[in-house]
Structure formats: structure tokens, C-alpha cells
Amino acid sequence: MIEDIKTPNELLEYMNKNIRYGWLDENNQEHIDTMKEFRNRYRTLTIEETLLNHLGTCIEQTNLEMAVMEKLAIPYKAFCLRSYKDDVRIIDPKMHCFLLFFIDDKCYHFEHSNPEVRGIHEYKNEDAAMQEILAYYQARDQGKTRQLLEIHEVPAGLSWEEWNSYLDELAKEDQKSL
């Protein structure tokens, strides 16, 4: 059970056994390992819905990871990386959420939703982690413009467009703080 998790490794093991990549639509119908109709029918889930349905996209999985790190009192940062065709946001960005956590002066990338790099990856610091993660997605997205945002929560019930509008607001706040 999620309440019994005591370490990041135990969280990864739990997610490997219990969380599939997928999403629920507005009618609570499951969509597993497919993005068909995602942009039209997706909605963000609560942690409880993620656990109950044993599924989540990178958004829900990162939200679950944040909750467990919070429970374990492990410092962390969660991010959303969006890629665009150009410098202007379009309706159809590519996006990935992920989490970094920090133990004993080292930084770790916790990745479950992307099976190509699933696992816990150790780095000497946050800069080294971000450099490697961003290089990976830069190559995968063929060098498109990227926007990296730190996220602190995932509001439940948002459509794809509402989620992106939420991220746009975070980006505006981030620009104001520069």
C-alpha cells in the first residue's frame, strides 16, 4: 500500500507493480497506453483516482511522486517541460512532467512514466540532472523550443487545454519574478 512506502526505491517498485500509463476521460473511461482523443477528452486526476484506477499520465504520476516525497519529508522539485513548434505557444505542445529529489547533497531524477528512462538516476547536483534531462528531451523533440516550469500542485479535473492554460499562468508568474 502507498502508506507503507518508506523510500524512493519502494515508491518506484510500487509504481512498477501498480501504476499503468493511461488516463481517464470525462466519462471515467480508461485509455491505456494510447493518446488517441487525449487532447479532446483528458482530465487531470486526483491522487486518490490515480491509486484507485492504477493509472496516470506523467502529470498524475508526478503528482503521486510529489505526495509521497512530501510524506517522507524528502526535498523535491517537480517540473513540466513543454516543447513547441516555434516560440509561440500552440494548442498542441508536447509535454512531460518529472520529479527531482535531493538526499545527502545529491540530486536524483525519479522517472516512471517514460519507459525509455524509467528508474531513479543519480546526479552530483541539480544542474547536472537538468542538463542531462533537457538534452534528452531536446534530442527527442528534434530541437524544438522548450519551456521548463516548476510545478507545486496538479489541480484535479482540468482538461488538456485547461492544464496548459494553468501552465501558461505559472509561466507568467515565473517571468514576473525574474
Protein backbone atom coordinates (compact mmCIF):
# COMPACT_ATOMS: atom_id res chain seq x y z
CA MET A 1 0.00 0.00 0.00
CA ILE A 2 1.10 3.54 -0.67
CA GLU A 3 1.01 4.36 3.06
CA ASP A 4 3.72 1.74 3.69
CA ILE A 5 6.27 3.31 1.34
CA LYS A 6 9.38 4.45 3.22
CA THR A 7 11.90 5.22 0.42
CA PRO A 8 12.00 6.45 -3.18
CA ASN A 9 13.07 2.96 -4.27
CA GLU A 10 9.98 1.50 -2.62
CA LEU A 11 7.87 4.09 -4.44
CA LEU A 12 9.39 3.09 -7.78
CA GLU A 13 8.75 -0.58 -7.01
CA TYR A 14 5.15 0.22 -6.02
CA MET A 15 4.58 2.20 -9.22
CA ASN A 16 6.16 -0.53 -11.36
CA LYS A 17 3.67 -3.02 -9.93
CA ASN A 18 0.58 -0.82 -9.61
CA ILE A 19 0.55 2.18 -11.97
CA ARG A 20 -0.01 1.90 -15.71
CA TYR A 21 0.45 4.70 -18.20
CA GLY A 22 -3.05 5.86 -19.04
CA TRP A 23 -5.80 8.33 -18.39
CA LEU A 24 -9.50 8.65 -17.69
CA ASP A 25 -11.75 10.67 -19.93
CA GLU A 26 -14.66 12.87 -18.89
CA ASN A 27 -16.85 9.72 -18.66
CA ASN A 28 -14.32 7.86 -16.46
CA GLN A 29 -13.45 5.52 -19.32
CA GLU A 30 -9.88 4.19 -19.20
CA HIS A 31 -7.41 4.78 -22.01
CA ILE A 32 -4.28 2.65 -21.53
CA ASP A 33 -1.06 3.24 -23.49
CA THR A 34 -2.83 5.39 -26.07
CA MET A 35 -3.04 9.10 -26.67
CA LYS A 36 -5.94 8.83 -29.12
CA GLU A 37 -8.52 11.52 -28.24
CA PHE A 38 -6.29 12.66 -25.34
CA ARG A 39 -6.30 16.35 -26.22
CA ASN A 40 -10.10 16.35 -26.50
CA ARG A 41 -11.15 14.08 -23.63
CA TYR A 42 -8.41 14.08 -20.96
CA ARG A 43 -8.82 15.45 -17.46
CA THR A 44 -6.33 15.55 -14.60
CA LEU A 45 -6.95 13.06 -11.79
CA THR A 46 -6.68 13.31 -8.04
CA ILE A 47 -4.11 11.15 -6.29
CA GLU A 48 -6.96 9.02 -4.99
CA GLU A 49 -8.28 8.46 -8.54
CA THR A 50 -4.78 7.58 -9.73
CA LEU A 51 -4.41 4.98 -6.97
CA LEU A 52 -7.94 3.62 -7.35
CA ASN A 53 -7.64 3.21 -11.14
CA HIS A 54 -3.96 2.23 -11.13
CA LEU A 55 -3.15 4.65 -13.93
CA GLY A 56 -1.87 8.08 -14.77
CA THR A 57 -0.04 10.12 -17.34
CA CYS A 58 3.23 11.83 -16.47
CA ILE A 59 1.09 14.55 -14.85
CA GLU A 60 -0.65 12.24 -12.39
CA GLN A 61 2.44 10.13 -11.80
CA THR A 62 4.49 13.20 -10.91
CA ASN A 63 1.69 14.36 -8.64
CA LEU A 64 1.77 11.00 -6.84
CA GLU A 65 5.57 11.21 -6.56
CA MET A 66 5.27 14.71 -5.06
CA ALA A 67 2.78 13.49 -2.45
CA VAL A 68 4.99 10.60 -1.39
CA MET A 69 8.13 12.77 -1.20
CA GLU A 70 6.16 15.21 0.92
CA LYS A 71 5.05 12.37 3.22
CA LEU A 72 8.63 11.12 3.50
CA ALA A 73 9.93 14.67 4.15
CA ILE A 74 12.34 14.36 1.21
CA PRO A 75 13.08 17.68 -0.51
CA TYR A 76 11.97 17.67 -4.15
CA LYS A 77 11.16 19.80 -7.17
CA ALA A 78 8.63 18.88 -9.84
CA PHE A 79 8.76 20.22 -13.37
CA CYS A 80 6.75 20.38 -16.55
CA LEU A 81 8.68 20.62 -19.81
CA ARG A 82 6.76 21.75 -22.88
CA SER A 83 8.04 21.72 -26.46
CA TYR A 84 6.66 23.90 -29.24
CA LYS A 85 6.96 24.21 -32.98
CA ASP A 86 8.17 27.79 -32.51
CA ASP A 87 8.40 30.46 -29.79
CA VAL A 88 4.63 30.96 -29.67
CA ARG A 89 2.51 28.54 -27.64
CA ILE A 90 0.26 26.48 -29.83
CA ILE A 91 -2.70 24.31 -28.86
CA ASP A 92 -0.68 21.17 -29.47
CA PRO A 93 2.52 21.28 -27.36
CA LYS A 94 4.41 18.16 -26.39
CA MET A 95 4.79 17.95 -22.65
CA HIS A 96 6.45 15.87 -19.94
CA CYS A 97 6.33 16.17 -16.15
CA PHE A 98 9.07 14.79 -13.94
CA LEU A 99 10.45 14.99 -10.42
CA LEU A 100 13.86 15.59 -8.88
CA PHE A 101 14.55 14.77 -5.24
CA PHE A 102 17.50 15.51 -3.01
CA ILE A 103 19.26 13.26 -0.46
CA ASP A 104 22.76 13.61 1.02
CA ASP A 105 23.80 16.52 -1.21
CA LYS A 106 22.91 14.57 -4.36
CA CYS A 107 20.11 15.03 -6.84
CA TYR A 108 18.01 12.18 -8.19
CA HIS A 109 15.69 12.10 -11.18
CA PHE A 110 12.64 9.93 -10.43
CA GLU A 111 11.11 8.73 -13.69
CA HIS A 112 8.28 6.26 -14.06
CA SER A 113 6.01 7.40 -16.87
CA ASN A 114 8.68 7.36 -19.62
CA PRO A 115 9.67 3.69 -20.01
CA GLU A 116 12.79 4.63 -22.03
CA VAL A 117 14.40 6.14 -18.93
CA ARG A 118 12.33 4.61 -16.11
CA GLY A 119 14.18 4.47 -12.82
CA ILE A 120 15.98 6.62 -10.28
CA HIS A 121 19.00 8.36 -11.75
CA GLU A 122 21.69 9.88 -9.54
CA TYR A 123 23.46 13.17 -10.28
CA LYS A 124 26.04 15.19 -8.37
CA ASN A 125 23.68 18.18 -8.31
CA GLU A 126 20.51 19.70 -9.79
CA ASP A 127 22.36 21.44 -12.62
CA ALA A 128 23.88 18.17 -13.83
CA ALA A 129 20.47 16.46 -13.67
CA MET A 130 18.73 19.21 -15.58
CA GLN A 131 21.45 19.36 -18.21
CA GLU A 132 21.08 15.65 -18.98
CA ILE A 133 17.27 15.59 -18.81
CA LEU A 134 16.91 18.65 -21.04
CA ALA A 135 19.46 17.28 -23.55
CA TYR A 136 17.46 14.03 -23.74
CA TYR A 137 14.19 15.83 -24.48
CA GLN A 138 15.89 18.30 -26.83
CA ALA A 139 17.14 15.39 -28.93
CA ARG A 140 13.81 13.53 -28.70
CA ASP A 141 11.78 16.61 -29.68
CA GLN A 142 14.18 17.42 -32.51
CA GLY A 143 15.38 20.69 -31.08
CA LYS A 144 12.06 22.47 -30.75
CA THR A 145 11.65 25.43 -28.42
CA ARG A 146 11.25 24.30 -24.82
CA GLN A 147 9.72 25.84 -21.72
CA LEU A 148 10.57 24.46 -18.29
CA LEU A 149 8.25 25.27 -15.40
CA GLU A 150 8.42 24.22 -11.78
CA ILE A 151 5.05 22.94 -10.59
CA HIS A 152 3.88 22.71 -6.99
CA GLU A 153 0.48 21.11 -7.45
CA VAL A 154 -1.75 19.43 -10.01
CA PRO A 155 -5.31 20.73 -9.83
CA ALA A 156 -7.80 17.91 -10.40
CA GLY A 157 -10.40 17.85 -13.16
CA LEU A 158 -8.58 20.01 -15.72
CA SER A 159 -8.90 19.30 -19.43
CA TRP A 160 -5.77 19.31 -21.62
CA GLU A 161 -6.39 22.90 -22.64
CA GLU A 162 -7.13 23.96 -19.04
CA TRP A 163 -3.91 22.26 -17.88
CA ASN A 164 -1.94 24.18 -20.50
CA SER A 165 -3.67 27.43 -19.50
CA TYR A 166 -2.69 26.68 -15.89
CA LEU A 167 0.92 26.22 -17.05
CA ASP A 168 0.70 29.48 -19.03
CA GLU A 169 -0.28 31.28 -15.80
CA LEU A 170 2.66 29.69 -13.98
CA ALA A 171 4.93 30.90 -16.78
CA LYS A 172 3.62 34.46 -16.39
CA GLU A 173 4.26 34.35 -12.63
CA ASP A 174 7.74 32.96 -13.24
CA GLN A 175 8.55 35.79 -15.65
CA LYS A 176 7.39 38.38 -13.12
CA SER A 177 9.84 37.02 -10.54
CA LEU A 178 12.90 37.40 -12.82
